[in-house]
Amino acid sequence: MSKVIEIDDTGFDDQVSQSEQPVLVYFWAPWCGPCRLVSPTINWIADTYSDRLKVVKLEVDPNPESRAKCQVEGVPALRLFKDNDIVVSREGAMGKQQIQTMLDDHL
């Protein structure tokens, strides 16, 4: 069972803004081919980093408020929040090693 939490605009503040631990937000869309490639890595990250990181997943099309708040221009997109601030912002498909390095540099 994956530790990725699926959220929408209404749950963004509770799960991301008010979180006491860092949060990786994965923005995706069902029509996005690269998102299908990144999703297994996001699940692996959620399982592997569960002791120091919360991972949430947000579908972009039905959630325009969160997409705008995080300035998401394309998917897949990742935003790493620490203390309610975006410390890393990436768009486009990233490999497992790239994501792992990005997290290790900021956690």
PDB file of N, CA and C in Angstrom:
ATOM      1  N   MET A   1       0.833  -1.185   0.000  1.00  0.00           N
ATOM      2  CA  MET A   1       0.000   0.000   0.000  1.00  0.00           C
ATOM      3  C   MET A   1       0.881   1.253   0.000  1.00  0.00           C
ATOM      4  N   SER A   2       0.591   2.139  -0.899  1.00  0.00           N
ATOM      5  CA  SER A   2       1.388   3.344  -1.035  1.00  0.00           C
ATOM      6  C   SER A   2       1.086   4.333   0.088  1.00  0.00           C
ATOM      7  N   LYS A   3       2.094   5.096   0.448  1.00  0.00           N
ATOM      8  CA  LYS A   3       1.938   6.111   1.477  1.00  0.00           C
ATOM      9  C   LYS A   3       1.648   7.488   0.861  1.00  0.00           C
ATOM     10  N   VAL A   4       1.408   7.534  -0.448  1.00  0.00           N
ATOM     11  CA  VAL A   4       1.082   8.791  -1.119  1.00  0.00           C
ATOM     12  C   VAL A   4      -0.350   9.181  -0.752  1.00  0.00           C
ATOM     13  N   ILE A   5      -0.534  10.427  -0.333  1.00  0.00           N
ATOM     14  CA  ILE A   5      -1.842  10.935   0.061  1.00  0.00           C
ATOM     15  C   ILE A   5      -2.421  11.734  -1.102  1.00  0.00           C
ATOM     16  N   GLU A   6      -3.586  11.343  -1.582  1.00  0.00           N
ATOM     17  CA  GLU A   6      -4.226  12.093  -2.666  1.00  0.00           C
ATOM     18  C   GLU A   6      -5.032  13.235  -2.052  1.00  0.00           C
ATOM     19  N   ILE A   7      -4.795  14.454  -2.569  1.00  0.00           N
ATOM     20  CA  ILE A   7      -5.481  15.631  -2.039  1.00  0.00           C
ATOM     21  C   ILE A   7      -6.130  16.419  -3.177  1.00  0.00           C
ATOM     22  N   ASP A   8      -6.923  17.411  -2.780  1.00  0.00           N
ATOM     23  CA  ASP A   8      -7.506  18.342  -3.745  1.00  0.00           C
ATOM     24  C   ASP A   8      -7.344  19.753  -3.162  1.00  0.00           C
ATOM     25  N   ASP A   9      -7.906  20.748  -3.842  1.00  0.00           N
ATOM     26  CA  ASP A   9      -7.773  22.126  -3.368  1.00  0.00           C
ATOM     27  C   ASP A   9      -8.218  22.295  -1.917  1.00  0.00           C
ATOM     28  N   THR A  10      -9.292  21.610  -1.530  1.00  0.00           N
ATOM     29  CA  THR A  10      -9.823  21.787  -0.175  1.00  0.00           C
ATOM     30  C   THR A  10      -8.902  21.209   0.893  1.00  0.00           C
ATOM     31  N   GLY A  11      -8.093  20.225   0.553  1.00  0.00           N
ATOM     32  CA  GLY A  11      -7.196  19.610   1.529  1.00  0.00           C
ATOM     33  C   GLY A  11      -5.772  20.135   1.492  1.00  0.00           C
ATOM     34  N   PHE A  12      -5.498  21.059   0.579  1.00  0.00           N
ATOM     35  CA  PHE A  12      -4.126  21.536   0.406  1.00  0.00           C
ATOM     36  C   PHE A  12      -3.572  22.165   1.688  1.00  0.00           C
ATOM     37  N   ASP A  13      -4.317  23.070   2.293  1.00  0.00           N
ATOM     38  CA  ASP A  13      -3.813  23.735   3.497  1.00  0.00           C
ATOM     39  C   ASP A  13      -3.566  22.751   4.630  1.00  0.00           C
ATOM     40  N   ASP A  14      -4.518  21.842   4.865  1.00  0.00           N
ATOM     41  CA  ASP A  14      -4.356  20.864   5.942  1.00  0.00           C
ATOM     42  C   ASP A  14      -3.137  19.973   5.725  1.00  0.00           C
ATOM     43  N   GLN A  15      -2.988  19.458   4.516  1.00  0.00           N
ATOM     44  CA  GLN A  15      -1.946  18.471   4.245  1.00  0.00           C
ATOM     45  C   GLN A  15      -0.572  19.083   3.936  1.00  0.00           C
ATOM     46  N   VAL A  16      -0.560  20.300   3.378  1.00  0.00           N
ATOM     47  CA  VAL A  16       0.709  20.892   2.943  1.00  0.00           C
ATOM     48  C   VAL A  16       1.082  22.098   3.800  1.00  0.00           C
ATOM     49  N   SER A  17       0.251  23.121   3.788  1.00  0.00           N
ATOM     50  CA  SER A  17       0.591  24.376   4.457  1.00  0.00           C
ATOM     51  C   SER A  17       0.758  24.216   5.968  1.00  0.00           C
ATOM     52  N   GLN A  18      -0.027  23.352   6.574  1.00  0.00           N
ATOM     53  CA  GLN A  18       0.015  23.205   8.026  1.00  0.00           C
ATOM     54  C   GLN A  18       0.828  21.999   8.488  1.00  0.00           C
ATOM     55  N   SER A  19       1.532  21.366   7.574  1.00  0.00           N
ATOM     56  CA  SER A  19       2.318  20.182   7.926  1.00  0.00           C
ATOM     57  C   SER A  19       3.559  20.578   8.715  1.00  0.00           C
ATOM     58  N   GLU A  20       3.855  19.791   9.735  1.00  0.00           N
ATOM     59  CA  GLU A  20       5.053  20.049  10.532  1.00  0.00           C
ATOM     60  C   GLU A  20       6.294  19.430   9.906  1.00  0.00           C
ATOM     61  N   GLN A  21       6.108  18.502   8.973  1.00  0.00           N
ATOM     62  CA  GLN A  21       7.253  17.894   8.308  1.00  0.00           C
ATOM     63  C   GLN A  21       7.280  18.357   6.851  1.00  0.00           C
ATOM     64  N   PRO A  22       8.428  18.237   6.182  1.00  0.00           N
ATOM     65  CA  PRO A  22       8.491  18.614   4.762  1.00  0.00           C
ATOM     66  C   PRO A  22       7.472  17.818   3.951  1.00  0.00           C
ATOM     67  N   VAL A  23       6.980  18.448   2.869  1.00  0.00           N
ATOM     68  CA  VAL A  23       5.969  17.819   2.019  1.00  0.00           C
ATOM     69  C   VAL A  23       6.412  17.914   0.562  1.00  0.00           C
ATOM     70  N   LEU A  24       6.403  16.779  -0.126  1.00  0.00           N
ATOM     71  CA  LEU A  24       6.632  16.749  -1.565  1.00  0.00           C
ATOM     72  C   LEU A  24       5.262  16.664  -2.226  1.00  0.00           C
ATOM     73  N   VAL A  25       4.944  17.686  -3.033  1.00  0.00           N
ATOM     74  CA  VAL A  25       3.674  17.697  -3.743  1.00  0.00           C
ATOM     75  C   VAL A  25       3.941  17.300  -5.189  1.00  0.00           C
ATOM     76  N   TYR A  26       3.252  16.263  -5.633  1.00  0.00           N
ATOM     77  CA  TYR A  26       3.371  15.742  -6.996  1.00  0.00           C
ATOM     78  C   TYR A  26       2.118  16.152  -7.757  1.00  0.00           C
ATOM     79  N   PHE A  27       2.292  17.034  -8.728  1.00  0.00           N
ATOM     80  CA  PHE A  27       1.192  17.483  -9.582  1.00  0.00           C
ATOM     81  C   PHE A  27       1.176  16.611 -10.832  1.00  0.00           C
ATOM     82  N   TRP A  28       0.007  16.105 -11.182  1.00  0.00           N
ATOM     83  CA  TRP A  28      -0.089  15.153 -12.290  1.00  0.00           C
ATOM     84  C   TRP A  28      -1.428  15.325 -13.011  1.00  0.00           C
ATOM     85  N   ALA A  29      -1.567  14.599 -14.114  1.00  0.00           N
ATOM     86  CA  ALA A  29      -2.821  14.551 -14.866  1.00  0.00           C
ATOM     87  C   ALA A  29      -2.958  13.172 -15.486  1.00  0.00           C
ATOM     88  N   PRO A  30      -4.181  12.643 -15.572  1.00  0.00           N
ATOM     89  CA  PRO A  30      -4.377  11.301 -16.128  1.00  0.00           C
ATOM     90  C   PRO A  30      -4.006  11.209 -17.611  1.00  0.00           C
ATOM     91  N   TRP A  31      -4.055  12.321 -18.336  1.00  0.00           N
ATOM     92  CA  TRP A  31      -3.733  12.327 -19.761  1.00  0.00           C
ATOM     93  C   TRP A  31      -2.231  12.499 -20.021  1.00  0.00           C
ATOM     94  N   CYS A  32      -1.450  12.651 -18.982  1.00  0.00           N
ATOM     95  CA  CYS A  32      -0.013  12.960 -19.094  1.00  0.00           C
ATOM     96  C   CYS A  32       0.823  11.681 -19.143  1.00  0.00           C
ATOM     97  N   GLY A  33       1.420  11.408 -20.308  1.00  0.00           N
ATOM     98  CA  GLY A  33       2.278  10.226 -20.454  1.00  0.00           C
ATOM     99  C   GLY A  33       3.466  10.214 -19.506  1.00  0.00           C
ATOM    100  N   PRO A  34       4.243  11.323 -19.424  1.00  0.00           N
ATOM    101  CA  PRO A  34       5.375  11.339 -18.494  1.00  0.00           C
ATOM    102  C   PRO A  34       4.963  11.130 -17.026  1.00  0.00           C
ATOM    103  N   CYS A  35       3.745  11.537 -16.686  1.00  0.00           N
ATOM    104  CA  CYS A  35       3.267  11.313 -15.312  1.00  0.00           C
ATOM    105  C   CYS A  35       3.202   9.820 -15.000  1.00  0.00           C
ATOM    106  N   ARG A  36       2.812   9.026 -15.983  1.00  0.00           N
ATOM    107  CA  ARG A  36       2.735   7.574 -15.778  1.00  0.00           C
ATOM    108  C   ARG A  36       4.121   6.986 -15.535  1.00  0.00           C
ATOM    109  N   LEU A  37       5.144   7.616 -16.118  1.00  0.00           N
ATOM    110  CA  LEU A  37       6.514   7.147 -15.893  1.00  0.00           C
ATOM    111  C   LEU A  37       7.033   7.541 -14.514  1.00  0.00           C
ATOM    112  N   VAL A  38       6.614   8.706 -14.028  1.00  0.00           N
ATOM    113  CA  VAL A  38       7.105   9.229 -12.752  1.00  0.00           C
ATOM    114  C   VAL A  38       6.363   8.623 -11.553  1.00  0.00           C
ATOM    115  N   SER A  39       5.101   8.253 -11.740  1.00  0.00           N
ATOM    116  CA  SER A  39       4.273   7.781 -10.621  1.00  0.00           C
ATOM    117  C   SER A  39       4.888   6.646  -9.797  1.00  0.00           C
ATOM    118  N   PRO A  40       5.471   5.609 -10.404  1.00  0.00           N
ATOM    119  CA  PRO A  40       6.071   4.558  -9.573  1.00  0.00           C
ATOM    120  C   PRO A  40       7.209   5.089  -8.693  1.00  0.00           C
ATOM    121  N   THR A  41       7.960   6.054  -9.203  1.00  0.00           N
ATOM    122  CA  THR A  41       9.038   6.646  -8.402  1.00  0.00           C
ATOM    123  C   THR A  41       8.465   7.435  -7.235  1.00  0.00           C
ATOM    124  N   ILE A  42       7.360   8.136  -7.458  1.00  0.00           N
ATOM    125  CA  ILE A  42       6.720   8.894  -6.378  1.00  0.00           C
ATOM    126  C   ILE A  42       6.264   7.936  -5.276  1.00  0.00           C
ATOM    127  N   ASN A  43       5.708   6.796  -5.661  1.00  0.00           N
ATOM    128  CA  ASN A  43       5.308   5.788  -4.670  1.00  0.00           C
ATOM    129  C   ASN A  43       6.517   5.273  -3.902  1.00  0.00           C
ATOM    130  N   TRP A  44       7.626   5.035  -4.601  1.00  0.00           N
ATOM    131  CA  TRP A  44       8.851   4.563  -3.956  1.00  0.00           C
ATOM    132  C   TRP A  44       9.379   5.618  -2.983  1.00  0.00           C
ATOM    133  N   ILE A  45       9.362   6.883  -3.402  1.00  0.00           N
ATOM    134  CA  ILE A  45       9.818   7.982  -2.532  1.00  0.00           C
ATOM    135  C   ILE A  45       8.960   8.026  -1.267  1.00  0.00           C
ATOM    136  N   ALA A  46       7.650   7.918  -1.424  1.00  0.00           N
ATOM    137  CA  ALA A  46       6.743   7.959  -0.268  1.00  0.00           C
ATOM    138  C   ALA A  46       7.056   6.838   0.721  1.00  0.00           C
ATOM    139  N   ASP A  47       7.347   5.656   0.201  1.00  0.00           N
ATOM    140  CA  ASP A  47       7.670   4.526   1.069  1.00  0.00           C
ATOM    141  C   ASP A  47       9.048   4.684   1.710  1.00  0.00           C
ATOM    142  N   THR A  48      10.023   5.098   0.923  1.00  0.00           N
ATOM    143  CA  THR A  48      11.410   5.162   1.375  1.00  0.00           C
ATOM    144  C   THR A  48      11.660   6.324   2.335  1.00  0.00           C
ATOM    145  N   TYR A  49      11.024   7.453   2.097  1.00  0.00           N
ATOM    146  CA  TYR A  49      11.272   8.657   2.894  1.00  0.00           C
ATOM    147  C   TYR A  49      10.162   8.934   3.914  1.00  0.00           C
ATOM    148  N   SER A  50       9.327   7.960   4.184  1.00  0.00           N
ATOM    149  CA  SER A  50       8.149   8.190   5.028  1.00  0.00           C
ATOM    150  C   SER A  50       8.491   8.683   6.432  1.00  0.00           C
ATOM    151  N   ASP A  51       9.703   8.416   6.899  1.00  0.00           N
ATOM    152  CA  ASP A  51      10.078   8.854   8.238  1.00  0.00           C
ATOM    153  C   ASP A  51      10.424  10.340   8.302  1.00  0.00           C
ATOM    154  N   ARG A  52      10.693  10.980   7.137  1.00  0.00           N
ATOM    155  CA  ARG A  52      11.074  12.404   7.164  1.00  0.00           C
ATOM    156  C   ARG A  52      10.349  13.262   6.158  1.00  0.00           C
ATOM    157  N   LEU A  53       9.392  12.686   5.437  1.00  0.00           N
ATOM    158  CA  LEU A  53       8.750  13.421   4.358  1.00  0.00           C
ATOM    159  C   LEU A  53       7.327  12.917   4.143  1.00  0.00           C
ATOM    160  N   LYS A  54       6.412  13.855   3.944  1.00  0.00           N
ATOM    161  CA  LYS A  54       5.048  13.503   3.543  1.00  0.00           C
ATOM    162  C   LYS A  54       4.974  13.691   2.030  1.00  0.00           C
ATOM    163  N   VAL A  55       4.355  12.753   1.328  1.00  0.00           N
ATOM    164  CA  VAL A  55       4.196  12.860  -0.124  1.00  0.00           C
ATOM    165  C   VAL A  55       2.710  12.938  -0.444  1.00  0.00           C
ATOM    166  N   VAL A  56       2.334  14.011  -1.155  1.00  0.00           N
ATOM    167  CA  VAL A  56       0.951  14.166  -1.573  1.00  0.00           C
ATOM    168  C   VAL A  56       0.889  14.294  -3.086  1.00  0.00           C
ATOM    169  N   LYS A  57      -0.250  13.918  -3.619  1.00  0.00           N
ATOM    170  CA  LYS A  57      -0.469  13.870  -5.064  1.00  0.00           C
ATOM    171  C   LYS A  57      -1.713  14.685  -5.362  1.00  0.00           C
ATOM    172  N   LEU A  58      -1.615  15.585  -6.355  1.00  0.00           N
ATOM    173  CA  LEU A  58      -2.727  16.462  -6.670  1.00  0.00           C
ATOM    174  C   LEU A  58      -2.936  16.490  -8.180  1.00  0.00           C
ATOM    175  N   GLU A  59      -4.129  16.118  -8.612  1.00  0.00           N
ATOM    176  CA  GLU A  59      -4.463  16.171 -10.038  1.00  0.00           C
ATOM    177  C   GLU A  59      -4.706  17.630 -10.416  1.00  0.00           C
ATOM    178  N   VAL A  60      -4.033  18.113 -11.473  1.00  0.00           N
ATOM    179  CA  VAL A  60      -4.051  19.549 -11.779  1.00  0.00           C
ATOM    180  C   VAL A  60      -5.368  20.069 -12.328  1.00  0.00           C
ATOM    181  N   ASP A  61      -6.017  19.353 -13.227  1.00  0.00           N
ATOM    182  CA  ASP A  61      -7.195  19.896 -13.905  1.00  0.00           C
ATOM    183  C   ASP A  61      -8.346  20.264 -12.960  1.00  0.00           C
ATOM    184  N   PRO A  62      -8.733  19.407 -12.020  1.00  0.00           N
ATOM    185  CA  PRO A  62      -9.849  19.781 -11.141  1.00  0.00           C
ATOM    186  C   PRO A  62      -9.437  20.656  -9.944  1.00  0.00           C
ATOM    187  N   ASN A  63      -8.166  21.022  -9.860  1.00  0.00           N
ATOM    188  CA  ASN A  63      -7.674  21.768  -8.695  1.00  0.00           C
ATOM    189  C   ASN A  63      -6.877  23.010  -9.094  1.00  0.00           C
ATOM    190  N   PRO A  64      -7.535  23.985  -9.733  1.00  0.00           N
ATOM    191  CA  PRO A  64      -6.825  25.161 -10.240  1.00  0.00           C
ATOM    192  C   PRO A  64      -6.235  26.065  -9.165  1.00  0.00           C
ATOM    193  N   GLU A  65      -6.826  26.087  -7.968  1.00  0.00           N
ATOM    194  CA  GLU A  65      -6.307  26.972  -6.913  1.00  0.00           C
ATOM    195  C   GLU A  65      -4.903  26.550  -6.479  1.00  0.00           C
ATOM    196  N   SER A  66      -4.721  25.271  -6.199  1.00  0.00           N
ATOM    197  CA  SER A  66      -3.411  24.774  -5.768  1.00  0.00           C
ATOM    198  C   SER A  66      -2.399  24.892  -6.896  1.00  0.00           C
ATOM    199  N   ARG A  67      -2.842  24.603  -8.113  1.00  0.00           N
ATOM    200  CA  ARG A  67      -1.960  24.721  -9.273  1.00  0.00           C
ATOM    201  C   ARG A  67      -1.458  26.161  -9.410  1.00  0.00           C
ATOM    202  N   ALA A  68      -2.348  27.129  -9.252  1.00  0.00           N
ATOM    203  CA  ALA A  68      -1.968  28.536  -9.360  1.00  0.00           C
ATOM    204  C   ALA A  68      -1.074  28.963  -8.193  1.00  0.00           C
ATOM    205  N   LYS A  69      -1.425  28.525  -6.992  1.00  0.00           N
ATOM    206  CA  LYS A  69      -0.649  28.878  -5.794  1.00  0.00           C
ATOM    207  C   LYS A  69       0.803  28.421  -5.931  1.00  0.00           C
ATOM    208  N   CYS A  70       1.000  27.271  -6.550  1.00  0.00           N
ATOM    209  CA  CYS A  70       2.343  26.692  -6.697  1.00  0.00           C
ATOM    210  C   CYS A  70       2.972  27.011  -8.058  1.00  0.00           C
ATOM    211  N   GLN A  71       2.286  27.821  -8.850  1.00  0.00           N
ATOM    212  CA  GLN A  71       2.770  28.252 -10.164  1.00  0.00           C
ATOM    213  C   GLN A  71       3.176  27.071 -11.050  1.00  0.00           C
ATOM    214  N   VAL A  72       2.296  26.082 -11.119  1.00  0.00           N
ATOM    215  CA  VAL A  72       2.550  24.907 -11.946  1.00  0.00           C
ATOM    216  C   VAL A  72       2.170  25.227 -13.389  1.00  0.00           C
ATOM    217  N   GLU A  73       3.164  25.149 -14.276  1.00  0.00           N
ATOM    218  CA  GLU A  73       2.953  25.444 -15.691  1.00  0.00           C
ATOM    219  C   GLU A  73       2.739  24.177 -16.517  1.00  0.00           C
ATOM    220  N   GLY A  74       3.327  23.080 -16.081  1.00  0.00           N
ATOM    221  CA  GLY A  74       3.222  21.817 -16.811  1.00  0.00           C
ATOM    222  C   GLY A  74       3.335  20.644 -15.859  1.00  0.00           C
ATOM    223  N   VAL A  75       2.960  19.481 -16.346  1.00  0.00           N
ATOM    224  CA  VAL A  75       3.032  18.262 -15.529  1.00  0.00           C
ATOM    225  C   VAL A  75       3.882  17.212 -16.243  1.00  0.00           C
ATOM    226  N   PRO A  76       4.502  16.331 -15.486  1.00  0.00           N
ATOM    227  CA  PRO A  76       4.505  16.254 -14.033  1.00  0.00           C
ATOM    228  C   PRO A  76       5.307  17.407 -13.419  1.00  0.00           C
ATOM    229  N   ALA A  77       4.924  17.773 -12.215  1.00  0.00           N
ATOM    230  CA  ALA A  77       5.619  18.836 -11.491  1.00  0.00           C
ATOM    231  C   ALA A  77       5.787  18.418 -10.038  1.00  0.00           C
ATOM    232  N   LEU A  78       6.887  18.842  -9.454  1.00  0.00           N
ATOM    233  CA  LEU A  78       7.163  18.569  -8.045  1.00  0.00           C
ATOM    234  C   LEU A  78       7.434  19.885  -7.334  1.00  0.00           C
ATOM    235  N   ARG A  79       6.893  20.005  -6.125  1.00  0.00           N
ATOM    236  CA  ARG A  79       7.182  21.139  -5.257  1.00  0.00           C
ATOM    237  C   ARG A  79       7.495  20.569  -3.888  1.00  0.00           C
ATOM    238  N   LEU A  80       8.655  20.942  -3.367  1.00  0.00           N
ATOM    239  CA  LEU A  80       9.036  20.510  -2.023  1.00  0.00           C
ATOM    240  C   LEU A  80       8.826  21.677  -1.070  1.00  0.00           C
ATOM    241  N   PHE A  81       7.962  21.467  -0.082  1.00  0.00           N
ATOM    242  CA  PHE A  81       7.653  22.482   0.917  1.00  0.00           C
ATOM    243  C   PHE A  81       8.362  22.163   2.224  1.00  0.00           C
ATOM    244  N   LYS A  82       8.966  23.183   2.816  1.00  0.00           N
ATOM    245  CA  LYS A  82       9.494  23.096   4.178  1.00  0.00           C
ATOM    246  C   LYS A  82       9.018  24.350   4.893  1.00  0.00           C
ATOM    247  N   ASP A  83       8.391  24.176   6.043  1.00  0.00           N
ATOM    248  CA  ASP A  83       7.871  25.304   6.824  1.00  0.00           C
ATOM    249  C   ASP A  83       6.992  26.215   5.970  1.00  0.00           C
ATOM    250  N   ASN A  84       6.147  25.626   5.155  1.00  0.00           N
ATOM    251  CA  ASN A  84       5.187  26.318   4.295  1.00  0.00           C
ATOM    252  C   ASN A  84       5.834  27.158   3.195  1.00  0.00           C
ATOM    253  N   ASP A  85       7.097  26.915   2.902  1.00  0.00           N
ATOM    254  CA  ASP A  85       7.780  27.595   1.797  1.00  0.00           C
ATOM    255  C   ASP A  85       8.194  26.569   0.755  1.00  0.00           C
ATOM    256  N   ILE A  86       8.094  26.948  -0.518  1.00  0.00           N
ATOM    257  CA  ILE A  86       8.585  26.072  -1.584  1.00  0.00           C
ATOM    258  C   ILE A  86      10.105  26.217  -1.637  1.00  0.00           C
ATOM    259  N   VAL A  87      10.813  25.113  -1.386  1.00  0.00           N
ATOM    260  CA  VAL A  87      12.280  25.146  -1.418  1.00  0.00           C
ATOM    261  C   VAL A  87      12.830  24.542  -2.703  1.00  0.00           C
ATOM    262  N   VAL A  88      12.031  23.734  -3.379  1.00  0.00           N
ATOM    263  CA  VAL A  88      12.417  23.160  -4.669  1.00  0.00           C
ATOM    264  C   VAL A  88      11.195  23.154  -5.572  1.00  0.00           C
ATOM    265  N   SER A  89      11.423  23.533  -6.823  1.00  0.00           N
ATOM    266  CA  SER A  89      10.356  23.559  -7.815  1.00  0.00           C
ATOM    267  C   SER A  89      10.900  22.942  -9.099  1.00  0.00           C
ATOM    268  N   ARG A  90      10.303  21.830  -9.514  1.00  0.00           N
ATOM    269  CA  ARG A  90      10.747  21.141 -10.734  1.00  0.00           C
ATOM    270  C   ARG A  90       9.536  20.781 -11.585  1.00  0.00           C
ATOM    271  N   GLU A  91       9.712  20.890 -12.895  1.00  0.00           N
ATOM    272  CA  GLU A  91       8.673  20.460 -13.822  1.00  0.00           C
ATOM    273  C   GLU A  91       9.293  19.564 -14.878  1.00  0.00           C
ATOM    274  N   GLY A  92       8.491  18.624 -15.373  1.00  0.00           N
ATOM    275  CA  GLY A  92       8.975  17.663 -16.350  1.00  0.00           C
ATOM    276  C   GLY A  92       9.353  16.365 -15.669  1.00  0.00           C
ATOM    277  N   ALA A  93       9.453  15.324 -16.474  1.00  0.00           N
ATOM    278  CA  ALA A  93       9.779  14.002 -15.941  1.00  0.00           C
ATOM    279  C   ALA A  93      11.188  13.991 -15.378  1.00  0.00           C
ATOM    280  N   MET A  94      11.319  13.406 -14.208  1.00  0.00           N
ATOM    281  CA  MET A  94      12.616  13.238 -13.562  1.00  0.00           C
ATOM    282  C   MET A  94      12.782  11.768 -13.216  1.00  0.00           C
ATOM    283  N   GLY A  95      14.001  11.300 -13.305  1.00  0.00           N
ATOM    284  CA  GLY A  95      14.295   9.922 -12.940  1.00  0.00           C
ATOM    285  C   GLY A  95      14.388   9.756 -11.435  1.00  0.00           C
ATOM    286  N   LYS A  96      14.343   8.512 -11.015  1.00  0.00           N
ATOM    287  CA  LYS A  96      14.401   8.185  -9.588  1.00  0.00           C
ATOM    288  C   LYS A  96      15.637   8.785  -8.926  1.00  0.00           C
ATOM    289  N   GLN A  97      16.802   8.644  -9.570  1.00  0.00           N
ATOM    290  CA  GLN A  97      18.052   9.151  -8.991  1.00  0.00           C
ATOM    291  C   GLN A  97      18.029  10.671  -8.852  1.00  0.00           C
ATOM    292  N   GLN A  98      17.460  11.373  -9.848  1.00  0.00           N
ATOM    293  CA  GLN A  98      17.374  12.829  -9.788  1.00  0.00           C
ATOM    294  C   GLN A  98      16.503  13.293  -8.622  1.00  0.00           C
ATOM    295  N   ILE A  99      15.372  12.633  -8.449  1.00  0.00           N
ATOM    296  CA  ILE A  99      14.459  13.003  -7.362  1.00  0.00           C
ATOM    297  C   ILE A  99      15.106  12.694  -6.016  1.00  0.00           C
ATOM    298  N   GLN A 100      15.744  11.542  -5.930  1.00  0.00           N
ATOM    299  CA  GLN A 100      16.400  11.148  -4.686  1.00  0.00           C
ATOM    300  C   GLN A 100      17.494  12.151  -4.312  1.00  0.00           C
ATOM    301  N   THR A 101      18.308  12.560  -5.276  1.00  0.00           N
ATOM    302  CA  THR A 101      19.365  13.547  -5.032  1.00  0.00           C
ATOM    303  C   THR A 101      18.769  14.877  -4.587  1.00  0.00           C
ATOM    304  N   MET A 102      17.702  15.307  -5.261  1.00  0.00           N
ATOM    305  CA  MET A 102      17.030  16.557  -4.907  1.00  0.00           C
ATOM    306  C   MET A 102      16.557  16.509  -3.458  1.00  0.00           C
ATOM    307  N   LEU A 103      15.943  15.409  -3.056  1.00  0.00           N
ATOM    308  CA  LEU A 103      15.444  15.280  -1.680  1.00  0.00           C
ATOM    309  C   LEU A 103      16.575  15.210  -0.690  1.00  0.00           C
ATOM    310  N   ASP A 104      17.599  14.447  -0.997  1.00  0.00           N
ATOM    311  CA  ASP A 104      18.736  14.303  -0.074  1.00  0.00           C
ATOM    312  C   ASP A 104      19.436  15.645   0.151  1.00  0.00           C
ATOM    313  N   ASP A 105      19.427  16.506  -0.859  1.00  0.00           N
ATOM    314  CA  ASP A 105      20.052  17.827  -0.719  1.00  0.00           C
ATOM    315  C   ASP A 105      19.248  18.757   0.177  1.00  0.00           C
ATOM    316  N   HIS A 106      17.956  18.480   0.374  1.00  0.00           N
ATOM    317  CA  HIS A 106      17.091  19.406   1.107  1.00  0.00           C
ATOM    318  C   HIS A 106      16.470  18.841   2.384  1.00  0.00           C
ATOM    319  N   LEU A 107      16.704  17.587   2.673  1.00  0.00           N
ATOM    320  CA  LEU A 107      16.108  17.007   3.896  1.00  0.00           C
ATOM    321  C   LEU A 107      17.163  16.809   4.958  1.00  0.00           C
TER     322      LEU A 107
END
